[in-house]
C-alpha atoms as a PDB file:
ATOM      1  CA  MET A   1      45.922 157.467 111.635  1.00  0.00           C
ATOM      2  CA  GLY A   2      46.485 160.679 113.454  1.00  0.00           C
ATOM      3  CA  SER A   3      45.038 162.357 116.497  1.00  0.00           C
ATOM      4  CA  ASP A   4      42.557 165.188 116.116  1.00  0.00           C
ATOM      5  CA  GLU A   5      41.518 167.531 118.862  1.00  0.00           C
ATOM      6  CA  THR A   6      38.077 165.945 118.736  1.00  0.00           C
ATOM      7  CA  ILE A   7      36.812 162.572 117.588  1.00  0.00           C
ATOM      8  CA  ARG A   8      34.448 163.521 114.767  1.00  0.00           C
ATOM      9  CA  PRO A   9      31.589 161.524 113.271  1.00  0.00           C
ATOM     10  CA  SER A  10      32.148 160.124 109.785  1.00  0.00           C
ATOM     11  CA  ALA A  11      29.746 160.285 106.887  1.00  0.00           C
ATOM     12  CA  PHE A  12      28.383 156.946 108.092  1.00  0.00           C
ATOM     13  CA  ALA A  13      27.290 158.322 111.460  1.00  0.00           C
ATOM     14  CA  GLY A  14      23.989 159.607 110.046  1.00  0.00           C
ATOM     15  CA  ASP A  15      21.308 159.047 112.649  1.00  0.00           C
ATOM     16  CA  GLN A  16      23.701 157.415 115.109  1.00  0.00           C
ATOM     17  CA  PRO A  17      24.080 159.386 118.362  1.00  0.00           C
ATOM     18  CA  PHE A  18      27.455 161.059 118.631  1.00  0.00           C
ATOM     19  CA  LEU A  19      29.290 162.201 121.701  1.00  0.00           C
ATOM     20  CA  ALA A  20      32.156 164.591 120.998  1.00  0.00           C
ATOM     21  CA  VAL A  21      35.047 163.771 123.317  1.00  0.00           C
ATOM     22  CA  PRO A  22      38.433 165.494 123.291  1.00  0.00           C
ATOM     23  CA  VAL A  23      41.389 163.251 122.543  1.00  0.00           C
ATOM     24  CA  VAL A  24      44.191 163.723 125.017  1.00  0.00           C
ATOM     25  CA  ALA A  25      47.591 162.798 123.649  1.00  0.00           C
ATOM     26  CA  PRO A  26      50.029 161.531 124.594  1.00  0.00           C
ATOM     27  CA  THR A  27      48.561 161.107 128.106  1.00  0.00           C
ATOM     28  CA  MET A  28      45.757 158.544 128.228  1.00  0.00           C
ATOM     29  CA  HIS A  29      42.403 159.422 129.670  1.00  0.00           C
ATOM     30  CA  ASN A  30      41.715 157.625 132.948  1.00  0.00           C
ATOM     31  CA  VAL A  31      38.408 155.940 133.714  1.00  0.00           C
ATOM     32  CA  ASP A  32      36.773 155.257 137.065  1.00  0.00           C
ATOM     33  CA  ALA A  33      34.934 151.936 136.861  1.00  0.00           C
ATOM     34  CA  ALA A  34      32.875 151.706 140.051  1.00  0.00           C
ATOM     35  CA  GLY A  35      35.843 152.978 142.060  1.00  0.00           C
ATOM     36  CA  LEU A  36      38.502 151.037 140.121  1.00  0.00           C
ATOM     37  CA  GLY A  37      40.930 153.331 138.331  1.00  0.00           C
ATOM     38  CA  ILE A  38      41.873 152.304 134.788  1.00  0.00           C
ATOM     39  CA  GLY A  39      44.406 154.107 132.601  1.00  0.00           C
ATOM     40  CA  ASP A  40      47.853 155.661 132.642  1.00  0.00           C
ATOM     41  CA  ASP A  41      47.675 156.621 136.311  1.00  0.00           C
ATOM     42  CA  HIS A  42      46.978 153.048 137.423  1.00  0.00           C
ATOM     43  CA  PRO A  43      48.553 149.582 137.187  1.00  0.00           C
ATOM     44  CA  PRO A  44      47.254 147.162 134.552  1.00  0.00           C
ATOM     45  CA  ARG A  45      43.966 145.578 135.528  1.00  0.00           C
ATOM     46  CA  ILE A  46      43.016 141.927 135.111  1.00  0.00           C
ATOM     47  CA  MET A  47      39.571 140.933 133.815  1.00  0.00           C
ATOM     48  CA  GLY A  48      38.619 137.348 134.587  1.00  0.00           C
ATOM     49  CA  VAL A  49      35.902 135.603 132.583  1.00  0.00           C
ATOM     50  CA  LEU A  50      32.763 133.738 133.635  1.00  0.00           C
ATOM     51  CA  ASN A  51      30.410 132.319 131.012  1.00  0.00           C
ATOM     52  CA  ILE A  52      26.761 131.686 131.693  1.00  0.00           C
ATOM     53  CA  SER A  53      26.600 130.690 128.018  1.00  0.00           C
ATOM     54  CA  ARG A  54      26.642 126.929 127.584  1.00  0.00           C
ATOM     55  CA  GLU A  55      27.844 127.499 123.987  1.00  0.00           C
ATOM     56  CA  SER A  56      31.170 128.967 125.086  1.00  0.00           C
ATOM     57  CA  PRO A  57      34.171 127.111 123.627  1.00  0.00           C
ATOM     58  CA  TYR A  58      36.184 127.399 126.866  1.00  0.00           C
ATOM     59  CA  ASP A  59      34.552 124.809 129.100  1.00  0.00           C
ATOM     60  CA  PRO A  60      36.362 125.563 132.410  1.00  0.00           C
ATOM     61  CA  SER A  61      34.700 128.985 132.566  1.00  0.00           C
ATOM     62  CA  VAL A  62      31.131 127.799 131.827  1.00  0.00           C
ATOM     63  CA  PHE A  63      28.605 127.447 134.647  1.00  0.00           C
ATOM     64  CA  ALA A  64      24.829 127.188 134.851  1.00  0.00           C
ATOM     65  CA  ASP A  65      24.567 126.808 138.640  1.00  0.00           C
ATOM     66  CA  PRO A  66      24.896 130.141 140.513  1.00  0.00           C
ATOM     67  CA  GLU A  67      26.630 128.618 143.557  1.00  0.00           C
ATOM     68  CA  GLU A  68      29.243 126.838 141.447  1.00  0.00           C
ATOM     69  CA  ALA A  69      29.710 129.971 139.367  1.00  0.00           C
ATOM     70  CA  ALA A  70      30.149 132.098 142.492  1.00  0.00           C
ATOM     71  CA  ALA A  71      32.852 129.749 143.794  1.00  0.00           C
ATOM     72  CA  TYR A  72      34.671 130.029 140.462  1.00  0.00           C
ATOM     73  CA  VAL A  73      34.449 133.830 140.613  1.00  0.00           C
ATOM     74  CA  GLU A  74      35.787 133.883 144.171  1.00  0.00           C
ATOM     75  CA  ASN A  75      38.780 131.831 143.043  1.00  0.00           C
ATOM     76  CA  MET A  76      39.450 134.359 140.266  1.00  0.00           C
ATOM     77  CA  ILE A  77      39.237 137.248 142.702  1.00  0.00           C
ATOM     78  CA  ASP A  78      41.621 135.509 145.098  1.00  0.00           C
ATOM     79  CA  ALA A  79      43.992 134.987 142.146  1.00  0.00           C
ATOM     80  CA  GLY A  80      44.036 138.698 141.353  1.00  0.00           C
ATOM     81  CA  ALA A  81      41.048 139.538 139.142  1.00  0.00           C
ATOM     82  CA  ASP A  82      40.081 143.206 139.420  1.00  0.00           C
ATOM     83  CA  ILE A  83      37.111 142.796 137.070  1.00  0.00           C
ATOM     84  CA  VAL A  84      34.904 139.783 136.338  1.00  0.00           C
ATOM     85  CA  ASP A  85      33.283 139.759 132.900  1.00  0.00           C
ATOM     86  CA  VAL A  86      30.100 137.685 132.696  1.00  0.00           C
ATOM     87  CA  GLY A  87      29.047 136.459 129.255  1.00  0.00           C
ATOM     88  CA  LEU A  88      25.449 135.504 128.547  1.00  0.00           C
ATOM     89  CA  GLU A  89      26.142 134.040 125.113  1.00  0.00           C
ATOM     90  CA  SER A  90      29.055 132.905 123.010  1.00  0.00           C
ATOM     91  CA  ALA A  91      30.254 135.362 120.378  1.00  0.00           C
ATOM     92  CA  ASN A  92      31.289 132.445 118.147  1.00  0.00           C
ATOM     93  CA  LYS A  93      30.506 133.542 114.598  1.00  0.00           C
ATOM     94  CA  ARG A  94      29.298 130.036 113.704  1.00  0.00           C
ATOM     95  CA  LEU A  95      26.439 130.181 116.230  1.00  0.00           C
ATOM     96  CA  ASP A  96      23.097 131.939 116.008  1.00  0.00           C
ATOM     97  CA  VAL A  97      22.904 135.264 117.816  1.00  0.00           C
ATOM     98  CA  LEU A  98      20.636 135.307 120.847  1.00  0.00           C
ATOM     99  CA  SER A  99      17.933 137.940 120.991  1.00  0.00           C
ATOM    100  CA  ALA A 100      17.831 140.500 123.783  1.00  0.00           C
ATOM    101  CA  GLU A 101      14.962 138.577 125.364  1.00  0.00           C
ATOM    102  CA  GLU A 102      16.960 135.323 125.297  1.00  0.00           C
ATOM    103  CA  GLU A 103      19.900 137.073 126.954  1.00  0.00           C
ATOM    104  CA  ARG A 104      17.603 138.489 129.621  1.00  0.00           C
ATOM    105  CA  GLU A 105      16.357 134.971 130.389  1.00  0.00           C
ATOM    106  CA  ARG A 106      19.941 134.091 131.357  1.00  0.00           C
ATOM    107  CA  LEU A 107      20.496 137.286 133.298  1.00  0.00           C
ATOM    108  CA  ASP A 108      18.841 135.947 136.464  1.00  0.00           C
ATOM    109  CA  THR A 109      21.585 133.312 136.779  1.00  0.00           C
ATOM    110  CA  ALA A 110      24.232 136.016 136.369  1.00  0.00           C
ATOM    111  CA  ILE A 111      22.586 138.195 139.034  1.00  0.00           C
ATOM    112  CA  GLU A 112      22.269 135.273 141.464  1.00  0.00           C
ATOM    113  CA  THR A 113      25.943 134.545 140.898  1.00  0.00           C
ATOM    114  CA  ILE A 114      27.289 138.004 141.668  1.00  0.00           C
ATOM    115  CA  ASP A 115      24.949 138.299 144.659  1.00  0.00           C
ATOM    116  CA  ALA A 116      26.438 135.089 146.058  1.00  0.00           C
ATOM    117  CA  VAL A 117      30.079 136.106 145.588  1.00  0.00           C
ATOM    118  CA  ASP A 118      32.105 136.799 148.718  1.00  0.00           C
ATOM    119  CA  GLY A 119      34.832 139.024 147.345  1.00  0.00           C
ATOM    120  CA  ASP A 120      35.601 142.483 146.006  1.00  0.00           C
ATOM    121  CA  ALA A 121      35.611 142.966 142.234  1.00  0.00           C
ATOM    122  CA  VAL A 122      34.023 145.096 139.532  1.00  0.00           C
ATOM    123  CA  PHE A 123      31.373 143.086 137.686  1.00  0.00           C
ATOM    124  CA  SER A 124      31.027 143.548 133.936  1.00  0.00           C
ATOM    125  CA  ILE A 125      28.157 142.285 131.792  1.00  0.00           C
ATOM    126  CA  GLU A 126      29.046 141.297 128.246  1.00  0.00           C
ATOM    127  CA  THR A 127      26.150 142.190 125.961  1.00  0.00           C
ATOM    128  CA  ARG A 128      25.390 143.954 122.689  1.00  0.00           C
ATOM    129  CA  TYR A 129      21.917 145.074 123.758  1.00  0.00           C
ATOM    130  CA  SER A 130      21.183 148.326 125.598  1.00  0.00           C
ATOM    131  CA  GLU A 131      18.089 146.890 127.304  1.00  0.00           C
ATOM    132  CA  VAL A 132      20.113 143.991 128.719  1.00  0.00           C
ATOM    133  CA  ALA A 133      22.827 146.396 129.859  1.00  0.00           C
ATOM    134  CA  ASP A 134      20.237 148.653 131.496  1.00  0.00           C
ATOM    135  CA  GLU A 135      18.689 145.797 133.475  1.00  0.00           C
ATOM    136  CA  ALA A 136      22.075 144.366 134.462  1.00  0.00           C
ATOM    137  CA  LEU A 137      23.353 147.740 135.672  1.00  0.00           C
ATOM    138  CA  SER A 138      20.120 148.310 137.579  1.00  0.00           C
ATOM    139  CA  ARG A 139      20.456 144.933 139.328  1.00  0.00           C
ATOM    140  CA  GLY A 140      24.044 145.042 140.529  1.00  0.00           C
ATOM    141  CA  PHE A 141      26.489 144.982 137.619  1.00  0.00           C
ATOM    142  CA  ASP A 142      29.063 147.791 137.507  1.00  0.00           C
ATOM    143  CA  MET A 143      30.104 148.099 133.865  1.00  0.00           C
ATOM    144  CA  VAL A 144      29.392 146.844 130.336  1.00  0.00           C
ATOM    145  CA  ASN A 145      31.486 144.992 127.755  1.00  0.00           C
ATOM    146  CA  ASP A 146      29.885 145.777 124.383  1.00  0.00           C
ATOM    147  CA  VAL A 147      31.246 143.393 121.741  1.00  0.00           C
ATOM    148  CA  CYS A 148      29.283 145.200 119.010  1.00  0.00           C
ATOM    149  CA  GLY A 149      30.860 148.595 119.631  1.00  0.00           C
ATOM    150  CA  PHE A 150      27.696 150.692 120.096  1.00  0.00           C
ATOM    151  CA  ALA A 151      25.833 149.048 117.187  1.00  0.00           C
ATOM    152  CA  ASP A 152      22.848 149.485 119.500  1.00  0.00           C
ATOM    153  CA  PRO A 153      22.608 153.294 119.366  1.00  0.00           C
ATOM    154  CA  GLU A 154      21.095 153.479 122.851  1.00  0.00           C
ATOM    155  CA  MET A 155      24.072 151.781 124.529  1.00  0.00           C
ATOM    156  CA  PRO A 156      26.110 154.964 125.195  1.00  0.00           C
ATOM    157  CA  ALA A 157      23.143 156.756 126.769  1.00  0.00           C
ATOM    158  CA  VAL A 158      22.292 153.743 128.956  1.00  0.00           C
ATOM    159  CA  CYS A 159      25.852 153.524 130.264  1.00  0.00           C
ATOM    160  CA  GLU A 160      25.987 157.258 130.886  1.00  0.00           C
ATOM    161  CA  SER A 161      22.680 157.177 132.768  1.00  0.00           C
ATOM    162  CA  HIS A 162      24.219 154.642 135.169  1.00  0.00           C
ATOM    163  CA  ASP A 163      27.598 156.449 135.247  1.00  0.00           C
ATOM    164  CA  ALA A 164      29.053 153.126 134.140  1.00  0.00           C
ATOM    165  CA  ALA A 165      32.280 152.355 132.325  1.00  0.00           C
ATOM    166  CA  VAL A 166      31.849 150.559 129.004  1.00  0.00           C
ATOM    167  CA  VAL A 167      34.228 148.586 126.807  1.00  0.00           C
ATOM    168  CA  LYS A 168      33.701 149.400 123.135  1.00  0.00           C
ATOM    169  CA  MET A 169      35.019 146.685 120.842  1.00  0.00           C
ATOM    170  CA  ALA A 170      35.865 147.569 117.245  1.00  0.00           C
ATOM    171  CA  SER A 171      32.879 146.398 115.218  1.00  0.00           C
ATOM    172  CA  PRO A 172      30.564 147.366 112.347  1.00  0.00           C
ATOM    173  CA  PRO A 173      27.130 148.822 113.173  1.00  0.00           C
ATOM    174  CA  ASP A 174      25.522 145.389 113.012  1.00  0.00           C
ATOM    175  CA  LEU A 175      24.244 143.543 116.080  1.00  0.00           C
ATOM    176  CA  GLU A 176      24.706 140.180 114.363  1.00  0.00           C
ATOM    177  CA  ARG A 177      28.327 140.674 113.233  1.00  0.00           C
ATOM    178  CA  PRO A 178      30.505 141.659 116.202  1.00  0.00           C
ATOM    179  CA  GLY A 179      34.092 142.427 115.289  1.00  0.00           C
ATOM    180  CA  ALA A 180      33.592 141.954 111.542  1.00  0.00           C
ATOM    181  CA  VAL A 181      35.685 145.009 110.736  1.00  0.00           C
ATOM    182  CA  GLY A 182      37.265 143.515 107.617  1.00  0.00           C
ATOM    183  CA  GLU A 183      33.870 142.675 106.088  1.00  0.00           C
ATOM    184  CA  THR A 184      32.622 146.255 106.315  1.00  0.00           C
ATOM    185  CA  ASP A 185      32.016 148.320 103.173  1.00  0.00           C
ATOM    186  CA  TRP A 186      34.253 151.220 104.100  1.00  0.00           C
ATOM    187  CA  THR A 187      33.312 153.184 100.979  1.00  0.00           C
ATOM    188  CA  GLU A 188      29.910 153.683 102.641  1.00  0.00           C
ATOM    189  CA  ARG A 189      31.284 154.558 106.064  1.00  0.00           C
ATOM    190  CA  CYS A 190      34.148 156.810 104.941  1.00  0.00           C
ATOM    191  CA  ASP A 191      35.237 158.470 101.716  1.00  0.00           C
ATOM    192  CA  ALA A 192      36.374 156.241  98.878  1.00  0.00           C
ATOM    193  CA  GLU A 193      39.939 157.561  98.835  1.00  0.00           C
ATOM    194  CA  TRP A 194      40.438 156.692 102.515  1.00  0.00           C
ATOM    195  CA  ALA A 195      38.866 153.268 102.015  1.00  0.00           C
ATOM    196  CA  ALA A 196      41.188 152.509  99.101  1.00  0.00           C
ATOM    197  CA  ASP A 197      44.305 153.315 101.123  1.00  0.00           C
ATOM    198  CA  ALA A 198      43.298 151.928 104.544  1.00  0.00           C
ATOM    199  CA  ASP A 199      44.742 148.668 105.810  1.00  0.00           C
ATOM    200  CA  TYR A 200      43.120 146.407 108.397  1.00  0.00           C
ATOM    201  CA  VAL A 201      44.519 148.245 111.440  1.00  0.00           C
ATOM    202  CA  ASP A 202      43.350 151.576 110.020  1.00  0.00           C
ATOM    203  CA  GLN A 203      39.869 150.055 109.728  1.00  0.00           C
ATOM    204  CA  VAL A 204      39.938 148.881 113.355  1.00  0.00           C
ATOM    205  CA  TYR A 205      40.969 152.355 114.472  1.00  0.00           C
ATOM    206  CA  GLU A 206      38.194 153.959 112.419  1.00  0.00           C
ATOM    207  CA  ALA A 207      35.606 151.471 113.694  1.00  0.00           C
ATOM    208  CA  LEU A 208      36.439 152.493 117.246  1.00  0.00           C
ATOM    209  CA  LYS A 209      36.155 156.204 116.407  1.00  0.00           C
ATOM    210  CA  GLN A 210      32.789 156.019 114.694  1.00  0.00           C
ATOM    211  CA  GLY A 211      29.829 156.590 116.957  1.00  0.00           C
ATOM    212  CA  GLY A 212      32.016 158.429 119.465  1.00  0.00           C
ATOM    213  CA  PHE A 213      32.713 157.598 123.096  1.00  0.00           C
ATOM    214  CA  THR A 214      31.199 158.151 126.496  1.00  0.00           C
ATOM    215  CA  GLU A 215      33.380 159.739 129.164  1.00  0.00           C
ATOM    216  CA  LYS A 216      34.011 156.246 130.558  1.00  0.00           C
ATOM    217  CA  THR A 217      34.748 154.295 127.377  1.00  0.00           C
ATOM    218  CA  ILE A 218      37.543 151.705 127.196  1.00  0.00           C
ATOM    219  CA  VAL A 219      38.524 150.610 123.675  1.00  0.00           C
ATOM    220  CA  ASP A 220      39.092 147.022 122.511  1.00  0.00           C
ATOM    221  CA  PRO A 221      40.788 146.409 119.119  1.00  0.00           C
ATOM    222  CA  ALA A 222      39.034 143.048 118.686  1.00  0.00           C
ATOM    223  CA  PHE A 223      41.661 140.332 118.548  1.00  0.00           C
ATOM    224  CA  GLY A 224      40.535 136.888 117.407  1.00  0.00           C
ATOM    225  CA  GLY A 225      38.585 135.283 114.587  1.00  0.00           C
ATOM    226  CA  TRP A 226      35.507 137.485 114.680  1.00  0.00           C
ATOM    227  CA  SER A 227      34.900 137.076 110.946  1.00  0.00           C
ATOM    228  CA  GLU A 228      35.949 134.819 108.103  1.00  0.00           C
ATOM    229  CA  SER A 229      37.992 137.634 106.563  1.00  0.00           C
ATOM    230  CA  GLN A 230      40.051 138.347 109.698  1.00  0.00           C
ATOM    231  CA  THR A 231      43.462 136.691 109.326  1.00  0.00           C
ATOM    232  CA  LEU A 232      46.202 135.784 111.761  1.00  0.00           C
ATOM    233  CA  GLU A 233      48.350 138.405 110.054  1.00  0.00           C
ATOM    234  CA  ASP A 234      45.650 141.023 110.757  1.00  0.00           C
ATOM    235  CA  ASP A 235      45.872 140.218 114.458  1.00  0.00           C
ATOM    236  CA  ARG A 236      49.668 140.255 114.417  1.00  0.00           C
ATOM    237  CA  GLU A 237      49.783 143.650 112.715  1.00  0.00           C
ATOM    238  CA  THR A 238      47.216 144.999 115.186  1.00  0.00           C
ATOM    239  CA  PHE A 239      49.437 143.788 118.009  1.00  0.00           C
ATOM    240  CA  HIS A 240      52.543 145.367 116.456  1.00  0.00           C
ATOM    241  CA  ARG A 241      50.699 148.693 116.249  1.00  0.00           C
ATOM    242  CA  LEU A 242      48.897 148.434 119.575  1.00  0.00           C
ATOM    243  CA  SER A 243      50.336 151.693 120.864  1.00  0.00           C
ATOM    244  CA  ASP A 244      48.706 153.540 117.938  1.00  0.00           C
ATOM    245  CA  PHE A 245      45.346 153.156 119.668  1.00  0.00           C
ATOM    246  CA  ARG A 246      46.556 155.423 122.465  1.00  0.00           C
ATOM    247  CA  GLU A 247      45.861 158.296 120.075  1.00  0.00           C
ATOM    248  CA  LEU A 248      42.173 157.729 120.799  1.00  0.00           C
ATOM    249  CA  GLY A 249      42.804 159.001 124.333  1.00  0.00           C
ATOM    250  CA  ARG A 250      40.999 156.043 125.919  1.00  0.00           C
ATOM    251  CA  PRO A 251      42.197 153.221 128.165  1.00  0.00           C
ATOM    252  CA  MET A 252      42.606 149.993 126.205  1.00  0.00           C
ATOM    253  CA  LEU A 253      41.499 146.414 126.842  1.00  0.00           C
ATOM    254  CA  VAL A 254      43.053 143.486 125.010  1.00  0.00           C
ATOM    255  CA  SER A 255      41.728 139.928 124.891  1.00  0.00           C
ATOM    256  CA  ILE A 256      44.570 137.725 123.619  1.00  0.00           C
ATOM    257  CA  ASN A 257      44.389 134.730 125.941  1.00  0.00           C
ATOM    258  CA  ARG A 258      45.434 131.576 124.011  1.00  0.00           C
ATOM    259  CA  LYS A 259      44.481 133.178 120.686  1.00  0.00           C
ATOM    260  CA  ASN A 260      45.318 131.524 117.382  1.00  0.00           C
ATOM    261  CA  PHE A 261      47.572 134.312 116.152  1.00  0.00           C
ATOM    262  CA  LEU A 262      49.896 133.599 119.084  1.00  0.00           C
ATOM    263  CA  ARG A 263      49.641 129.805 119.051  1.00  0.00           C
ATOM    264  CA  GLU A 264      50.615 129.598 115.394  1.00  0.00           C
ATOM    265  CA  PHE A 265      54.025 131.106 116.103  1.00  0.00           C
ATOM    266  CA  VAL A 266      55.002 128.174 118.296  1.00  0.00           C
ATOM    267  CA  GLY A 267      52.757 125.377 117.049  1.00  0.00           C
ATOM    268  CA  ARG A 268      50.859 124.890 120.310  1.00  0.00           C
ATOM    269  CA  SER A 269      47.323 123.729 120.976  1.00  0.00           C
ATOM    270  CA  THR A 270      44.926 125.824 123.037  1.00  0.00           C
ATOM    271  CA  GLU A 271      45.720 123.704 126.105  1.00  0.00           C
ATOM    272  CA  GLU A 272      49.463 124.279 125.622  1.00  0.00           C
ATOM    273  CA  ALA A 273      49.234 128.004 124.840  1.00  0.00           C
ATOM    274  CA  LEU A 274      49.529 129.564 128.295  1.00  0.00           C
ATOM    275  CA  PRO A 275      53.260 130.447 128.032  1.00  0.00           C
ATOM    276  CA  VAL A 276      52.850 132.258 124.725  1.00  0.00           C
ATOM    277  CA  SER A 277      49.818 134.109 126.107  1.00  0.00           C
ATOM    278  CA  LEU A 278      51.830 135.308 129.073  1.00  0.00           C
ATOM    279  CA  ALA A 279      54.691 136.513 126.884  1.00  0.00           C
ATOM    280  CA  ALA A 280      52.219 138.446 124.755  1.00  0.00           C
ATOM    281  CA  THR A 281      50.552 139.881 127.864  1.00  0.00           C
ATOM    282  CA  ALA A 282      53.794 141.466 129.035  1.00  0.00           C
ATOM    283  CA  LEU A 283      54.359 142.917 125.559  1.00  0.00           C
ATOM    284  CA  ALA A 284      50.774 144.214 125.357  1.00  0.00           C
ATOM    285  CA  VAL A 285      51.101 146.044 128.664  1.00  0.00           C
ATOM    286  CA  GLU A 286      54.401 147.491 127.494  1.00  0.00           C
ATOM    287  CA  ARG A 287      52.597 148.790 124.405  1.00  0.00           C
ATOM    288  CA  GLY A 288      49.855 150.457 126.436  1.00  0.00           C
ATOM    289  CA  ALA A 289      47.189 147.874 127.312  1.00  0.00           C
ATOM    290  CA  ASP A 290      45.395 148.837 130.531  1.00  0.00           C
ATOM    291  CA  VAL A 291      43.091 145.820 130.966  1.00  0.00           C
ATOM    292  CA  ILE A 292      43.908 142.213 130.078  1.00  0.00           C
ATOM    293  CA  ARG A 293      40.916 139.893 129.644  1.00  0.00           C
ATOM    294  CA  THR A 294      41.861 136.306 130.474  1.00  0.00           C
ATOM    295  CA  HIS A 295      40.811 132.862 131.677  1.00  0.00           C
ATOM    296  CA  ASP A 296      44.201 132.417 133.400  1.00  0.00           C
ATOM    297  CA  VAL A 297      44.020 135.081 136.071  1.00  0.00           C
ATOM    298  CA  ALA A 298      46.945 134.402 138.419  1.00  0.00           C
ATOM    299  CA  GLU A 299      49.508 133.802 135.695  1.00  0.00           C
ATOM    300  CA  THR A 300      48.288 136.718 133.570  1.00  0.00           C
ATOM    301  CA  ARG A 301      48.439 139.059 136.544  1.00  0.00           C
ATOM    302  CA  ASP A 302      52.114 138.210 137.062  1.00  0.00           C
ATOM    303  CA  ALA A 303      52.921 138.721 133.377  1.00  0.00           C
ATOM    304  CA  ALA A 304      51.116 142.063 133.340  1.00  0.00           C
ATOM    305  CA  ILE A 305      53.092 143.252 136.358  1.00  0.00           C
ATOM    306  CA  ILE A 306      56.367 142.366 134.627  1.00  0.00           C
ATOM    307  CA  GLY A 307      55.314 144.249 131.500  1.00  0.00           C
ATOM    308  CA  HIS A 308      54.346 147.250 133.599  1.00  0.00           C
ATOM    309  CA  GLU A 309      57.404 147.323 135.837  1.00  0.00           C
ATOM    310  CA  LEU A 310      60.157 146.298 133.409  1.00  0.00           C
ATOM    311  CA  GLY A 311      58.801 147.309 129.998  1.00  0.00           C
ATOM    312  CA  VAL A 312      60.062 150.402 128.220  1.00  0.00           C
ATOM    313  CA  GLY A 313      56.544 151.839 128.192  1.00  0.00           C
ATOM    314  CA  PRO A 314      54.147 152.689 125.353  1.00  0.00           C
ATOM    315  CA  GLU A 315      55.807 156.025 124.638  1.00  0.00           C
ATOM    316  CA  ALA A 316      58.749 154.108 123.129  1.00  0.00           C
ATOM    317  CA  PHE A 317      56.426 152.786 120.408  1.00  0.00           C
ATOM    318  CA  GLU A 318      54.795 156.108 119.518  1.00  0.00           C
END
């Protein structure tokens, strides 16, 4: 890795749209997400999670009734959520991917939910499809969480047209394989010499670079079992090198809540994994994470504050 003055398209970029954005190092670029500041000049932000998707593996966050969902969101806001991320489908690799039309059929419930919420938060729609993002942003959502990292080539332009912040998760250019960085043929996307020498974290970094950024992009290094090839050691090494992603000059989101790579250290089940998640949250903020995505809002907020106030800061890891 290494910072260039400009993020450049790789040989893979081909017909993909590319937005040249200067990389500012070591100071992170700050993003305004519907009035919420994210980046070096701001405290860490907490993203709570609501799932409209009945397939989601985390049952406490799943709702089909807008009134019940709105009450859940209000509780998250009261607990300290700055952002609420609404998922229309599960990203579980073992499930079939919903089409854009199927996602849009669920969007009405999401819209009814945010309209019913009595509270102040930035609302994010999690989707891989530009047409779903466009409709959601037109109907009241504030930002986008793209788990396919601009695999839909129209996603950057849609977000820019709405002046909306967008989370770009490290992913191959495939709408059906979010986060499958390790299963990518890097000899096609980059030169063979680079591909031969690159390790998993290098691949994540490159996946985030390719396709460029909008002015309001937040990067996500894709923790979790997104593909069969992604190992616990891959996640651990990504975490160790988290501060490296600051070279991209973008604010960073991490989603590590109760993840396997943390639970395995201490032999805990998902239900028992809150303490290890909180410890990792403080360390992630210390290493430069700007947004923490979580189901445990109140506790995660406290851990993030400790990491921000008492940590040595990401510069110590650069």
